[in-house]
Amino acid sequence: FRITLLPPGPDGLLDPKKLEDAITKDTQLVSVMLANNEIGVIQP
């Protein structure tokens, strides 16, 4: 499988636009933690 790991912003949050740009016709699955276990940020 081909894996893409997106970086968080300096605030720890995912930029949804970066996710949208990373999705290709071969993308099967996305995994995004709801609340981070270390810094506690809540993703959108």
All heavy atoms as atom14 arrays in JSON, in Angstrom:
{
  "sequence": "FRITLLPPGPDGLLDPKKLEDAITKDTQLVSVMLANNEIGVIQP",
  "atom14_mask": [
    [1, 1, 1, 1, 1, 1, 1, 1, 1, 1, 1, 0, 0, 0],
    [1, 1, 1, 1, 1, 1, 1, 1, 1, 1, 1, 0, 0, 0],
    [1, 1, 1, 1, 1, 1, 1, 1, 0, 0, 0, 0, 0, 0],
    [1, 1, 1, 1, 1, 1, 1, 0, 0, 0, 0, 0, 0, 0],
    [1, 1, 1, 1, 1, 1, 1, 1, 0, 0, 0, 0, 0, 0],
    [1, 1, 1, 1, 1, 1, 1, 1, 0, 0, 0, 0, 0, 0],
    [1, 1, 1, 1, 1, 1, 1, 0, 0, 0, 0, 0, 0, 0],
    [1, 1, 1, 1, 1, 1, 1, 0, 0, 0, 0, 0, 0, 0],
    [1, 1, 1, 1, 0, 0, 0, 0, 0, 0, 0, 0, 0, 0],
    [1, 1, 1, 1, 1, 1, 1, 0, 0, 0, 0, 0, 0, 0],
    [1, 1, 1, 1, 1, 1, 1, 1, 0, 0, 0, 0, 0, 0],
    [1, 1, 1, 1, 0, 0, 0, 0, 0, 0, 0, 0, 0, 0],
    [1, 1, 1, 1, 1, 1, 1, 1, 0, 0, 0, 0, 0, 0],
    [1, 1, 1, 1, 1, 1, 1, 1, 0, 0, 0, 0, 0, 0],
    [1, 1, 1, 1, 1, 1, 1, 1, 0, 0, 0, 0, 0, 0],
    [1, 1, 1, 1, 1, 1, 1, 0, 0, 0, 0, 0, 0, 0],
    [1, 1, 1, 1, 1, 1, 1, 1, 1, 0, 0, 0, 0, 0],
    [1, 1, 1, 1, 1, 1, 1, 1, 1, 0, 0, 0, 0, 0],
    [1, 1, 1, 1, 1, 1, 1, 1, 0, 0, 0, 0, 0, 0],
    [1, 1, 1, 1, 1, 1, 1, 1, 1, 0, 0, 0, 0, 0],
    [1, 1, 1, 1, 1, 1, 1, 1, 0, 0, 0, 0, 0, 0],
    [1, 1, 1, 1, 1, 0, 0, 0, 0, 0, 0, 0, 0, 0],
    [1, 1, 1, 1, 1, 1, 1, 1, 0, 0, 0, 0, 0, 0],
    [1, 1, 1, 1, 1, 1, 1, 0, 0, 0, 0, 0, 0, 0],
    [1, 1, 1, 1, 1, 1, 1, 1, 1, 0, 0, 0, 0, 0],
    [1, 1, 1, 1, 1, 1, 1, 1, 0, 0, 0, 0, 0, 0],
    [1, 1, 1, 1, 1, 1, 1, 0, 0, 0, 0, 0, 0, 0],
    [1, 1, 1, 1, 1, 1, 1, 1, 1, 0, 0, 0, 0, 0],
    [1, 1, 1, 1, 1, 1, 1, 1, 0, 0, 0, 0, 0, 0],
    [1, 1, 1, 1, 1, 1, 1, 0, 0, 0, 0, 0, 0, 0],
    [1, 1, 1, 1, 1, 1, 0, 0, 0, 0, 0, 0, 0, 0],
    [1, 1, 1, 1, 1, 1, 1, 0, 0, 0, 0, 0, 0, 0],
    [1, 1, 1, 1, 1, 1, 1, 1, 0, 0, 0, 0, 0, 0],
    [1, 1, 1, 1, 1, 1, 1, 1, 0, 0, 0, 0, 0, 0],
    [1, 1, 1, 1, 1, 0, 0, 0, 0, 0, 0, 0, 0, 0],
    [1, 1, 1, 1, 1, 1, 1, 1, 0, 0, 0, 0, 0, 0],
    [1, 1, 1, 1, 1, 1, 1, 1, 0, 0, 0, 0, 0, 0],
    [1, 1, 1, 1, 1, 1, 1, 1, 1, 0, 0, 0, 0, 0],
    [1, 1, 1, 1, 1, 1, 1, 1, 0, 0, 0, 0, 0, 0],
    [1, 1, 1, 1, 0, 0, 0, 0, 0, 0, 0, 0, 0, 0],
    [1, 1, 1, 1, 1, 1, 1, 0, 0, 0, 0, 0, 0, 0],
    [1, 1, 1, 1, 1, 1, 1, 1, 0, 0, 0, 0, 0, 0],
    [1, 1, 1, 1, 1, 1, 1, 1, 1, 0, 0, 0, 0, 0],
    [1, 1, 1, 1, 1, 1, 1, 0, 0, 0, 0, 0, 0, 0]
  ],
  "atom14_positions": [
    [[0.84, -1.19, 0.0], [0.0, 0.0, 0.0], [0.88, 1.25, 0.0], [1.97, 1.27, 0.57], [-0.91, 0.02, 1.23], [-1.99, -1.01, 1.21], [-1.74, -2.32, 1.62], [-3.27, -0.7, 0.78], [-2.72, -3.29, 1.6], [-4.28, -1.66, 0.75], [-4.01, -2.96, 1.17], [0.0, 0.0, 0.0], [0.0, 0.0, 0.0], [0.0, 0.0, 0.0]],
    [[0.37, 2.3, -0.62], [1.08, 3.59, -0.61], [0.5, 4.44, 0.52], [-0.73, 4.59, 0.62], [0.91, 4.29, -1.97], [1.75, 5.56, -2.1], [1.84, 5.97, -3.57], [0.54, 6.29, -4.12], [-0.02, 7.51, -4.05], [0.61, 8.5, -3.44], [-1.2, 7.73, -4.59], [0.0, 0.0, 0.0], [0.0, 0.0, 0.0], [0.0, 0.0, 0.0]],
    [[1.39, 4.99, 1.36], [0.96, 5.73, 2.55], [1.38, 7.18, 2.44], [2.55, 7.48, 2.11], [1.58, 5.13, 3.84], [1.35, 3.62, 3.9], [1.02, 5.84, 5.07], [-0.09, 3.21, 4.0], [0.0, 0.0, 0.0], [0.0, 0.0, 0.0], [0.0, 0.0, 0.0], [0.0, 0.0, 0.0], [0.0, 0.0, 0.0], [0.0, 0.0, 0.0]],
    [[0.46, 8.1, 2.73], [0.76, 9.52, 2.82], [0.45, 9.98, 4.24], [-0.68, 9.78, 4.72], [-0.07, 10.36, 1.83], [0.27, 9.99, 0.49], [0.2, 11.85, 2.02], [0.0, 0.0, 0.0], [0.0, 0.0, 0.0], [0.0, 0.0, 0.0], [0.0, 0.0, 0.0], [0.0, 0.0, 0.0], [0.0, 0.0, 0.0], [0.0, 0.0, 0.0]],
    [[1.44, 10.57, 4.92], [1.26, 11.1, 6.26], [1.32, 12.63, 6.19], [2.38, 13.2, 5.88], [2.32, 10.57, 7.22], [2.32, 9.06, 7.46], [3.44, 8.66, 8.41], [0.96, 8.6, 8.02], [0.0, 0.0, 0.0], [0.0, 0.0, 0.0], [0.0, 0.0, 0.0], [0.0, 0.0, 0.0], [0.0, 0.0, 0.0], [0.0, 0.0, 0.0]],
    [[0.2, 13.27, 6.47], [0.13, 14.72, 6.39], [0.64, 15.36, 7.67], [0.36, 14.87, 8.77], [-1.32, 15.15, 6.15], [-1.98, 14.62, 4.87], [-3.45, 15.01, 4.85], [-1.26, 15.16, 3.64], [0.0, 0.0, 0.0], [0.0, 0.0, 0.0], [0.0, 0.0, 0.0], [0.0, 0.0, 0.0], [0.0, 0.0, 0.0], [0.0, 0.0, 0.0]],
    [[1.37, 16.47, 7.56], [1.85, 17.15, 8.77], [0.74, 18.02, 9.36], [-0.09, 18.58, 8.62], [2.98, 18.03, 8.24], [2.57, 18.35, 6.83], [1.86, 17.12, 6.32], [0.0, 0.0, 0.0], [0.0, 0.0, 0.0], [0.0, 0.0, 0.0], [0.0, 0.0, 0.0], [0.0, 0.0, 0.0], [0.0, 0.0, 0.0], [0.0, 0.0, 0.0]],
    [[0.72, 18.15, 10.68], [-0.22, 19.1, 11.29], [0.34, 20.51, 11.14], [1.54, 20.7, 10.85], [-0.24, 18.68, 12.76], [1.14, 18.12, 12.99], [1.53, 17.46, 11.7], [0.0, 0.0, 0.0], [0.0, 0.0, 0.0], [0.0, 0.0, 0.0], [0.0, 0.0, 0.0], [0.0, 0.0, 0.0], [0.0, 0.0, 0.0], [0.0, 0.0, 0.0]],
    [[-0.51, 21.51, 11.36], [-0.01, 22.87, 11.44], [0.72, 23.08, 12.75], [0.74, 22.18, 13.61], [0.0, 0.0, 0.0], [0.0, 0.0, 0.0], [0.0, 0.0, 0.0], [0.0, 0.0, 0.0], [0.0, 0.0, 0.0], [0.0, 0.0, 0.0], [0.0, 0.0, 0.0], [0.0, 0.0, 0.0], [0.0, 0.0, 0.0], [0.0, 0.0, 0.0]],
    [[1.31, 24.25, 12.96], [1.99, 24.53, 14.23], [1.09, 24.4, 15.45], [1.56, 24.18, 16.56], [2.48, 25.97, 14.06], [2.55, 26.18, 12.57], [1.44, 25.36, 12.01], [0.0, 0.0, 0.0], [0.0, 0.0, 0.0], [0.0, 0.0, 0.0], [0.0, 0.0, 0.0], [0.0, 0.0, 0.0], [0.0, 0.0, 0.0], [0.0, 0.0, 0.0]],
    [[-0.23, 24.51, 15.23], [-1.2, 24.35, 16.32], [-1.63, 22.9, 16.51], [-2.46, 22.6, 17.36], [-2.43, 25.24, 16.08], [-3.12, 24.96, 14.74], [-2.68, 24.03, 14.01], [-4.08, 25.68, 14.41], [0.0, 0.0, 0.0], [0.0, 0.0, 0.0], [0.0, 0.0, 0.0], [0.0, 0.0, 0.0], [0.0, 0.0, 0.0], [0.0, 0.0, 0.0]],
    [[-1.1, 22.0, 15.7], [-1.44, 20.58, 15.81], [-2.65, 20.15, 15.0], [-2.98, 18.97, 14.97], [0.0, 0.0, 0.0], [0.0, 0.0, 0.0], [0.0, 0.0, 0.0], [0.0, 0.0, 0.0], [0.0, 0.0, 0.0], [0.0, 0.0, 0.0], [0.0, 0.0, 0.0], [0.0, 0.0, 0.0], [0.0, 0.0, 0.0], [0.0, 0.0, 0.0]],
    [[-3.3, 21.09, 14.35], [-4.54, 20.79, 13.62], [-4.27, 20.48, 12.15], [-3.33, 21.01, 11.55], [-5.51, 21.96, 13.73], [-6.0, 22.28, 15.16], [-6.8, 23.58, 15.17], [-6.84, 21.13, 15.7], [0.0, 0.0, 0.0], [0.0, 0.0, 0.0], [0.0, 0.0, 0.0], [0.0, 0.0, 0.0], [0.0, 0.0, 0.0], [0.0, 0.0, 0.0]],
    [[-5.11, 19.64, 11.59], [-5.03, 19.29, 10.18], [-5.72, 20.37, 9.34], [-6.82, 20.82, 9.68], [-5.72, 17.94, 9.94], [-5.91, 17.51, 8.48], [-4.57, 17.23, 7.82], [-6.81, 16.28, 8.4], [0.0, 0.0, 0.0], [0.0, 0.0, 0.0], [0.0, 0.0, 0.0], [0.0, 0.0, 0.0], [0.0, 0.0, 0.0], [0.0, 0.0, 0.0]],
    [[-5.06, 20.75, 8.26], [-5.68, 21.66, 7.3], [-6.5, 20.8, 6.33], [-5.94, 20.03, 5.56], [-4.59, 22.42, 6.54], [-5.17, 23.38, 5.51], [-6.39, 23.38, 5.29], [-4.37, 24.15, 4.93], [0.0, 0.0, 0.0], [0.0, 0.0, 0.0], [0.0, 0.0, 0.0], [0.0, 0.0, 0.0], [0.0, 0.0, 0.0], [0.0, 0.0, 0.0]],
    [[-7.84, 20.91, 6.37], [-8.67, 20.06, 5.5], [-8.32, 20.2, 4.02], [-8.46, 19.25, 3.25], [-10.09, 20.54, 5.79], [-10.02, 21.09, 7.19], [-8.67, 21.73, 7.26], [0.0, 0.0, 0.0], [0.0, 0.0, 0.0], [0.0, 0.0, 0.0], [0.0, 0.0, 0.0], [0.0, 0.0, 0.0], [0.0, 0.0, 0.0], [0.0, 0.0, 0.0]],
    [[-7.84, 21.38, 3.61], [-7.48, 21.59, 2.21], [-6.31, 20.68, 1.82], [-6.27, 20.14, 0.7], [-7.11, 23.06, 1.99], [-6.72, 23.41, 0.56], [-7.93, 23.25, -0.38], [-7.68, 23.85, -1.76], [-6.55, 23.24, -2.48], [0.0, 0.0, 0.0], [0.0, 0.0, 0.0], [0.0, 0.0, 0.0], [0.0, 0.0, 0.0], [0.0, 0.0, 0.0]],
    [[-5.35, 20.49, 2.75], [-4.23, 19.6, 2.47], [-4.7, 18.16, 2.3], [-4.16, 17.41, 1.48], [-3.19, 19.69, 3.59], [-2.4, 20.98, 3.6], [-1.31, 20.96, 4.64], [-0.47, 22.24, 4.6], [0.6, 22.25, 5.61], [0.0, 0.0, 0.0], [0.0, 0.0, 0.0], [0.0, 0.0, 0.0], [0.0, 0.0, 0.0], [0.0, 0.0, 0.0]],
    [[-5.7, 17.78, 3.09], [-6.26, 16.44, 2.92], [-6.93, 16.31, 1.57], [-6.72, 15.31, 0.85], [-7.27, 16.15, 4.04], [-8.09, 14.87, 3.88], [-7.19, 13.65, 3.9], [-9.15, 14.76, 4.96], [0.0, 0.0, 0.0], [0.0, 0.0, 0.0], [0.0, 0.0, 0.0], [0.0, 0.0, 0.0], [0.0, 0.0, 0.0], [0.0, 0.0, 0.0]],
    [[-7.71, 17.29, 1.22], [-8.42, 17.25, -0.07], [-7.44, 17.14, -1.22], [-7.66, 16.37, -2.17], [-9.27, 18.52, -0.21], [-10.32, 18.45, -1.28], [-11.31, 19.59, -1.19], [-11.08, 20.55, -0.43], [-12.35, 19.52, -1.88], [0.0, 0.0, 0.0], [0.0, 0.0, 0.0], [0.0, 0.0, 0.0], [0.0, 0.0, 0.0], [0.0, 0.0, 0.0]],
    [[-6.33, 17.87, -1.14], [-5.33, 17.84, -2.21], [-4.59, 16.5, -2.26], [-4.09, 16.1, -3.32], [-4.32, 18.97, -2.01], [-4.92, 20.35, -2.21], [-6.01, 20.43, -2.81], [-4.32, 21.34, -1.75], [0.0, 0.0, 0.0], [0.0, 0.0, 0.0], [0.0, 0.0, 0.0], [0.0, 0.0, 0.0], [0.0, 0.0, 0.0], [0.0, 0.0, 0.0]],
    [[-4.5, 15.81, -1.11], [-3.74, 14.56, -1.04], [-4.53, 13.36, -1.57], [-3.95, 12.34, -1.93], [-3.32, 14.29, 0.4], [0.0, 0.0, 0.0], [0.0, 0.0, 0.0], [0.0, 0.0, 0.0], [0.0, 0.0, 0.0], [0.0, 0.0, 0.0], [0.0, 0.0, 0.0], [0.0, 0.0, 0.0], [0.0, 0.0, 0.0], [0.0, 0.0, 0.0]],
    [[-5.85, 13.46, -1.62], [-6.69, 12.35, -2.07], [-6.55, 12.17, -3.58], [-6.62, 13.12, -4.35], [-8.16, 12.59, -1.69], [-8.31, 12.54, -0.16], [-9.06, 11.54, -2.34], [-9.72, 12.87, 0.32], [0.0, 0.0, 0.0], [0.0, 0.0, 0.0], [0.0, 0.0, 0.0], [0.0, 0.0, 0.0], [0.0, 0.0, 0.0], [0.0, 0.0, 0.0]],
    [[-6.31, 10.91, -3.98], [-6.21, 10.58, -5.4], [-7.29, 9.56, -5.75], [-8.04, 9.09, -4.89], [-4.82, 9.98, -5.72], [-4.75, 8.66, -5.15], [-3.71, 10.84, -5.14], [0.0, 0.0, 0.0], [0.0, 0.0, 0.0], [0.0, 0.0, 0.0], [0.0, 0.0, 0.0], [0.0, 0.0, 0.0], [0.0, 0.0, 0.0], [0.0, 0.0, 0.0]],
    [[-7.33, 9.18, -7.0], [-8.32, 8.19, -7.44], [-8.07, 6.83, -6.81], [-8.95, 5.98, -6.79], [-8.33, 8.07, -8.96], [-7.02, 7.61, -9.56], [-7.11, 7.55, -11.08], [-5.79, 7.14, -11.71], [-5.33, 5.82, -11.3], [0.0, 0.0, 0.0], [0.0, 0.0, 0.0], [0.0, 0.0, 0.0], [0.0, 0.0, 0.0], [0.0, 0.0, 0.0]],
    [[-6.85, 6.6, -6.31], [-6.51, 5.32, -5.68], [-6.68, 5.32, -4.17], [-6.46, 4.29, -3.52], [-5.05, 4.96, -6.0], [-4.81, 4.77, -7.49], [-5.69, 4.2, -8.15], [-3.75, 5.21, -7.97], [0.0, 0.0, 0.0], [0.0, 0.0, 0.0], [0.0, 0.0, 0.0], [0.0, 0.0, 0.0], [0.0, 0.0, 0.0], [0.0, 0.0, 0.0]],
    [[-7.05, 6.46, -3.6], [-7.16, 6.55, -2.14], [-8.34, 5.71, -1.65], [-9.47, 5.88, -2.13], [-7.32, 8.01, -1.67], [-6.24, 8.79, -2.18], [-7.35, 8.09, -0.15], [0.0, 0.0, 0.0], [0.0, 0.0, 0.0], [0.0, 0.0, 0.0], [0.0, 0.0, 0.0], [0.0, 0.0, 0.0], [0.0, 0.0, 0.0], [0.0, 0.0, 0.0]],
    [[-8.06, 4.82, -0.71], [-9.09, 3.93, -0.18], [-9.56, 4.35, 1.21], [-10.72, 4.16, 1.56], [-8.55, 2.5, -0.1], [-8.18, 1.89, -1.43], [-7.54, 0.52, -1.27], [-7.27, 0.08, -0.16], [-7.29, -0.15, -2.37], [0.0, 0.0, 0.0], [0.0, 0.0, 0.0], [0.0, 0.0, 0.0], [0.0, 0.0, 0.0], [0.0, 0.0, 0.0]],
    [[-8.64, 4.89, 2.01], [-8.96, 5.09, 3.41], [-8.17, 6.27, 3.98], [-7.0, 6.47, 3.64], [-8.65, 3.82, 4.21], [-8.97, 3.8, 5.7], [-9.51, 2.44, 6.12], [-7.71, 4.09, 6.52], [0.0, 0.0, 0.0], [0.0, 0.0, 0.0], [0.0, 0.0, 0.0], [0.0, 0.0, 0.0], [0.0, 0.0, 0.0], [0.0, 0.0, 0.0]],
    [[-8.82, 7.03, 4.85], [-8.19, 8.13, 5.6], [-8.37, 7.84, 7.08], [-9.44, 7.4, 7.5], [-8.83, 9.5, 5.24], [-8.38, 10.59, 6.21], [-8.51, 9.88, 3.8], [0.0, 0.0, 0.0], [0.0, 0.0, 0.0], [0.0, 0.0, 0.0], [0.0, 0.0, 0.0], [0.0, 0.0, 0.0], [0.0, 0.0, 0.0], [0.0, 0.0, 0.0]],
    [[-7.32, 8.06, 7.88], [-7.41, 7.88, 9.33], [-6.93, 9.15, 10.03], [-5.77, 9.55, 9.86], [-6.57, 6.69, 9.79], [-6.69, 6.48, 11.19], [0.0, 0.0, 0.0], [0.0, 0.0, 0.0], [0.0, 0.0, 0.0], [0.0, 0.0, 0.0], [0.0, 0.0, 0.0], [0.0, 0.0, 0.0], [0.0, 0.0, 0.0], [0.0, 0.0, 0.0]],
    [[-7.83, 9.8, 10.77], [-7.5, 11.03, 11.49], [-8.03, 10.91, 12.91], [-9.24, 10.71, 13.12], [-8.12, 12.27, 10.8], [-7.88, 13.53, 11.65], [-7.54, 12.45, 9.4], [0.0, 0.0, 0.0], [0.0, 0.0, 0.0], [0.0, 0.0, 0.0], [0.0, 0.0, 0.0], [0.0, 0.0, 0.0], [0.0, 0.0, 0.0], [0.0, 0.0, 0.0]],
    [[-7.14, 11.03, 13.89], [-7.5, 10.93, 15.3], [-8.43, 12.09, 15.68], [-8.18, 13.24, 15.31], [-6.24, 10.97, 16.15], [-6.46, 10.78, 17.64], [-4.91, 11.0, 18.57], [-4.03, 9.52, 18.08], [0.0, 0.0, 0.0], [0.0, 0.0, 0.0], [0.0, 0.0, 0.0], [0.0, 0.0, 0.0], [0.0, 0.0, 0.0], [0.0, 0.0, 0.0]],
    [[-9.49, 11.79, 16.43], [-10.42, 12.85, 16.84], [-9.77, 13.8, 17.82], [-9.8, 15.02, 17.64], [-11.69, 12.23, 17.45], [-12.73, 13.2, 18.0], [-13.14, 14.24, 16.97], [-13.95, 12.44, 18.51], [0.0, 0.0, 0.0], [0.0, 0.0, 0.0], [0.0, 0.0, 0.0], [0.0, 0.0, 0.0], [0.0, 0.0, 0.0], [0.0, 0.0, 0.0]],
    [[-9.16, 13.28, 18.9], [-8.48, 14.11, 19.89], [-7.1, 13.51, 20.14], [-6.99, 12.32, 20.45], [-9.27, 14.18, 21.19], [0.0, 0.0, 0.0], [0.0, 0.0, 0.0], [0.0, 0.0, 0.0], [0.0, 0.0, 0.0], [0.0, 0.0, 0.0], [0.0, 0.0, 0.0], [0.0, 0.0, 0.0], [0.0, 0.0, 0.0], [0.0, 0.0, 0.0]],
    [[-6.06, 14.33, 20.0], [-4.71, 13.81, 20.1], [-4.38, 13.39, 21.52], [-4.71, 14.08, 22.48], [-3.7, 14.86, 19.61], [-2.31, 14.29, 19.48], [-1.55, 14.29, 20.43], [-1.98, 13.78, 18.3], [0.0, 0.0, 0.0], [0.0, 0.0, 0.0], [0.0, 0.0, 0.0], [0.0, 0.0, 0.0], [0.0, 0.0, 0.0], [0.0, 0.0, 0.0]],
    [[-3.68, 12.27, 21.64], [-3.37, 11.71, 22.96], [-2.26, 12.44, 23.69], [-2.06, 12.23, 24.88], [-2.99, 10.23, 22.81], [-1.77, 10.05, 21.93], [-1.78, 10.44, 20.76], [-0.72, 9.47, 22.48], [0.0, 0.0, 0.0], [0.0, 0.0, 0.0], [0.0, 0.0, 0.0], [0.0, 0.0, 0.0], [0.0, 0.0, 0.0], [0.0, 0.0, 0.0]],
    [[-1.53, 13.31, 23.01], [-0.44, 14.05, 23.66], [-0.77, 15.52, 23.85], [-0.66, 16.04, 24.96], [0.85, 13.9, 22.85], [1.39, 12.48, 22.85], [2.8, 12.4, 22.29], [3.51, 13.44, 22.31], [3.2, 11.32, 21.82], [0.0, 0.0, 0.0], [0.0, 0.0, 0.0], [0.0, 0.0, 0.0], [0.0, 0.0, 0.0], [0.0, 0.0, 0.0]],
    [[-1.16, 16.2, 22.78], [-1.41, 17.64, 22.88], [-2.89, 17.97, 22.98], [-3.25, 19.13, 23.14], [-0.76, 18.39, 21.7], [-1.28, 17.87, 20.36], [0.75, 18.29, 21.78], [-0.78, 18.64, 19.16], [0.0, 0.0, 0.0], [0.0, 0.0, 0.0], [0.0, 0.0, 0.0], [0.0, 0.0, 0.0], [0.0, 0.0, 0.0], [0.0, 0.0, 0.0]],
    [[-3.75, 16.97, 22.91], [-5.17, 17.16, 23.19], [-5.97, 17.92, 22.16], [-7.15, 18.23, 22.39], [0.0, 0.0, 0.0], [0.0, 0.0, 0.0], [0.0, 0.0, 0.0], [0.0, 0.0, 0.0], [0.0, 0.0, 0.0], [0.0, 0.0, 0.0], [0.0, 0.0, 0.0], [0.0, 0.0, 0.0], [0.0, 0.0, 0.0], [0.0, 0.0, 0.0]],
    [[-5.38, 18.25, 21.0], [-6.13, 19.04, 20.01], [-7.25, 18.2, 19.4], [-7.09, 16.99, 19.2], [-5.21, 19.6, 18.9], [-4.22, 20.59, 19.48], [-4.5, 18.49, 18.14], [0.0, 0.0, 0.0], [0.0, 0.0, 0.0], [0.0, 0.0, 0.0], [0.0, 0.0, 0.0], [0.0, 0.0, 0.0], [0.0, 0.0, 0.0], [0.0, 0.0, 0.0]],
    [[-8.36, 18.86, 19.13], [-9.54, 18.2, 18.56], [-9.61, 18.54, 17.08], [-9.75, 19.7, 16.7], [-10.82, 18.64, 19.29], [-10.7, 18.3, 20.79], [-12.05, 17.97, 18.68], [-11.8, 18.9, 21.63], [0.0, 0.0, 0.0], [0.0, 0.0, 0.0], [0.0, 0.0, 0.0], [0.0, 0.0, 0.0], [0.0, 0.0, 0.0], [0.0, 0.0, 0.0]],
    [[-9.5, 17.52, 16.25], [-9.48, 17.74, 14.81], [-10.89, 18.02, 14.27], [-11.88, 17.58, 14.85], [-8.9, 16.51, 14.1], [-7.47, 16.17, 14.49], [-6.46, 17.2, 14.03], [-6.77, 18.11, 13.27], [-5.23, 17.05, 14.51], [0.0, 0.0, 0.0], [0.0, 0.0, 0.0], [0.0, 0.0, 0.0], [0.0, 0.0, 0.0], [0.0, 0.0, 0.0]],
    [[-10.98, 18.75, 13.16], [-12.29, 19.09, 12.56], [-12.88, 17.89, 11.81], [-12.99, 17.88, 10.59], [-11.94, 20.24, 11.61], [-10.53, 19.95, 11.19], [-9.85, 19.35, 12.4], [0.0, 0.0, 0.0], [0.0, 0.0, 0.0], [0.0, 0.0, 0.0], [0.0, 0.0, 0.0], [0.0, 0.0, 0.0], [0.0, 0.0, 0.0], [0.0, 0.0, 0.0]]
  ]
}
